[in-house]
Amino acid sequence: MVKYCTLPARCAALVGAFILASGPVIAEDEDARGLSGELSAGFVSASGNSESRTTNFRAQLLYESERFKHSLQGKTLQTRDEGETSVERYSAGYKADFNFTEHDFAFFSADFEKDLFGGVRRRTSETVGYGRRLLKSDQHEWNVEIGAGMRQIKFQEPDGSSESEAIGSLATDYAWQITETSRFVQTLGVESGSSNTSVDSETALQLSIIGNLFASLSYTVQYNSEVASGIENTDTYTAVNLNYGFGS
């Protein structure tokens, strides 16, 4: 998810962290499962009584071994209606998991998000915590996480204020391999501090087309408890994407 990121300094830092963190492990771990990733793109254009265009891109790079899992990801979303931009959002993140049993792991994550029209203009967070794999089979996977860390927020104008605070986080992700060609995925993340509570949820259905190529239909909900005057607390996005997976 780094390829299309428009925030060079942030992306460079995340790439550097990924290389530094995974390099020694790749060299020494004989049980390494290698690199894998996913590229995704979607485009919707409408004309007639109204002119609108929505584009979104997503990329993810993973390295996984018996003990470690590193993930680097980023995404963009933009909507233009009648020539005016109404949605413009960028995000990037890095996460490292360390497995100390088959079902238990510790994690560190660093995330960045910029939203020119949402409830919060810019948000960065750094968290550490504990996770557990509640389900792991050929058909079902379900993980839960709890963590704590710091968050830096800049609100939209006209408020425009900035906050730095301690936060607690909760997250869960569930995947159900319905058939050989269809998969359901649900993710949910909550970050809460003294100035704001944010909730991100994504529900997706993935359908295999041929080989490593598949289509996905997703619905995203983003909520912020505290926003500037005149801005909605909740944003929702629906996307139809074409995806390509690669690697192990």
Foldseek 3Di string as FASTA:
>chain_A
DLPPAPPVVVSVVQVVVQCVVCVVVVVPAPQWQAKKKKKKKFWDFDDDPWTKIKIKIKMKMWTDGPFKIKIKIKMWIWMAIRNRTQWTKIKIKIKMWGDPDPFKIKMWMWMWMAIQHAQFGIKIWIKIWMKTWPDDDPFKTKMKIKIKTKMWTAAHPPVRDIDIWIKIKIKMKMKGCPDPFKIWIKIWMWIDTDQKIKIKIKTKMWGHDDDQKIKMWMKIKIAIPDGDPPHDRIDMDITIMIMGMDGD
